[in-house]
Amino acid sequence: MALFAGKATFPEFLMMVALLGGLLCLVLLAARPIAAYVFARLNTPSSIIPRILTAEAPIPYGVAIGSAFLVLMWTGKIDGIPL
């Protein structure tokens, strides 16, 4: 996606990825303890708990990268790919 962004838009793309990745991390840091509490209160078996809500799961940073690219496409900052 960085190749599609080009030289002129690359710094803005990196900044958007960093901001959206940080936001995603904060959301997951807040949601994981809440989800653990809710699933424990409901006596939910661990086999049906989504992996993203477990403490040992990594942060899916590809979501932030793709979202940043879509934001740049939507704002018209990426040349050659009209939306």
Protein backbone atom coordinates (compact mmCIF):
# COMPACT_ATOMS: atom_id res chain seq x y z
CA MET A 1 0.00 0.00 0.00
CA ALA A 2 2.95 2.28 0.58
CA LEU A 3 3.92 1.79 -3.07
CA PHE A 4 0.50 2.96 -4.20
CA ALA A 5 0.72 5.98 -1.89
CA GLY A 6 3.78 7.29 -3.73
CA LYS A 7 6.59 9.58 -2.64
CA ALA A 8 4.48 12.66 -2.06
CA THR A 9 1.84 10.96 0.07
CA PHE A 10 4.11 8.51 1.90
CA PRO A 11 4.78 10.68 5.00
CA GLU A 12 1.07 11.34 5.42
CA PHE A 13 0.38 7.63 4.95
CA LEU A 14 2.89 6.74 7.70
CA MET A 15 1.38 9.30 10.05
CA MET A 16 -2.12 7.99 9.40
CA VAL A 17 -0.97 4.40 9.99
CA ALA A 18 0.62 5.42 13.28
CA LEU A 19 -2.47 7.29 14.46
CA LEU A 20 -4.92 4.56 13.48
CA GLY A 21 -2.63 1.85 14.90
CA GLY A 22 -2.40 3.71 18.20
CA LEU A 23 -6.15 4.11 18.30
CA LEU A 24 -6.61 0.40 17.56
CA CYS A 25 -4.20 -0.50 20.36
CA LEU A 26 -6.01 1.72 22.85
CA VAL A 27 -9.38 0.25 21.89
CA LEU A 28 -8.10 -3.31 22.28
CA LEU A 29 -6.34 -2.50 25.56
CA ALA A 30 -9.66 -1.24 26.92
CA ALA A 31 -11.82 -3.97 25.37
CA ARG A 32 -9.82 -7.03 26.40
CA PRO A 33 -10.32 -6.73 30.20
CA ILE A 34 -13.98 -5.86 29.72
CA ALA A 35 -14.48 -8.84 27.41
CA ALA A 36 -12.66 -11.14 29.84
CA TYR A 37 -14.94 -10.00 32.66
CA VAL A 38 -18.10 -10.42 30.58
CA PHE A 39 -17.10 -13.86 29.30
CA ALA A 40 -16.18 -14.97 32.83
CA ARG A 41 -19.53 -13.80 34.21
CA LEU A 42 -21.39 -15.64 31.45
CA ASN A 43 -19.37 -18.84 32.02
CA THR A 44 -18.44 -18.87 28.35
CA PRO A 45 -16.20 -21.74 27.23
CA SER A 46 -12.81 -20.53 26.06
CA SER A 47 -13.25 -22.25 22.70
CA ILE A 48 -15.84 -19.72 21.52
CA ILE A 49 -14.14 -16.52 22.75
CA PRO A 50 -12.79 -14.55 19.76
CA ARG A 51 -9.00 -14.81 19.65
CA ILE A 52 -8.56 -11.05 19.23
CA LEU A 53 -10.09 -10.51 22.67
CA THR A 54 -7.63 -12.80 24.47
CA ALA A 55 -4.62 -11.32 26.22
CA GLU A 56 -2.02 -13.31 24.27
CA ALA A 57 -3.31 -12.33 20.81
CA PRO A 58 -1.23 -9.82 18.85
CA ILE A 59 -2.60 -6.49 17.69
CA PRO A 60 -3.85 -6.84 14.07
CA TYR A 61 -1.84 -3.93 12.66
CA GLY A 62 -2.87 -4.77 9.09
CA VAL A 63 -6.25 -3.26 9.95
CA ALA A 64 -4.57 0.08 10.67
CA ILE A 65 -2.53 -0.08 7.45
CA GLY A 66 -5.56 -0.84 5.32
CA SER A 67 -7.67 1.79 7.07
CA ALA A 68 -5.02 4.46 6.53
CA PHE A 69 -4.90 3.62 2.83
CA LEU A 70 -8.69 3.82 2.57
CA VAL A 71 -8.72 7.20 4.33
CA LEU A 72 -6.15 8.55 1.88
CA MET A 73 -8.14 7.17 -1.05
CA TRP A 74 -11.32 8.72 0.29
CA THR A 75 -9.72 12.14 0.68
CA GLY A 76 -8.34 11.95 -2.87
CA LYS A 77 -4.68 12.15 -1.87
CA ILE A 78 -3.66 9.05 -3.81
CA ASP A 79 -3.34 9.79 -7.50
CA GLY A 80 -4.58 7.35 -10.09
CA ILE A 81 -7.10 5.57 -7.86
CA PRO A 82 -10.37 7.50 -7.86
CA LEU A 83 -12.95 6.56 -5.28
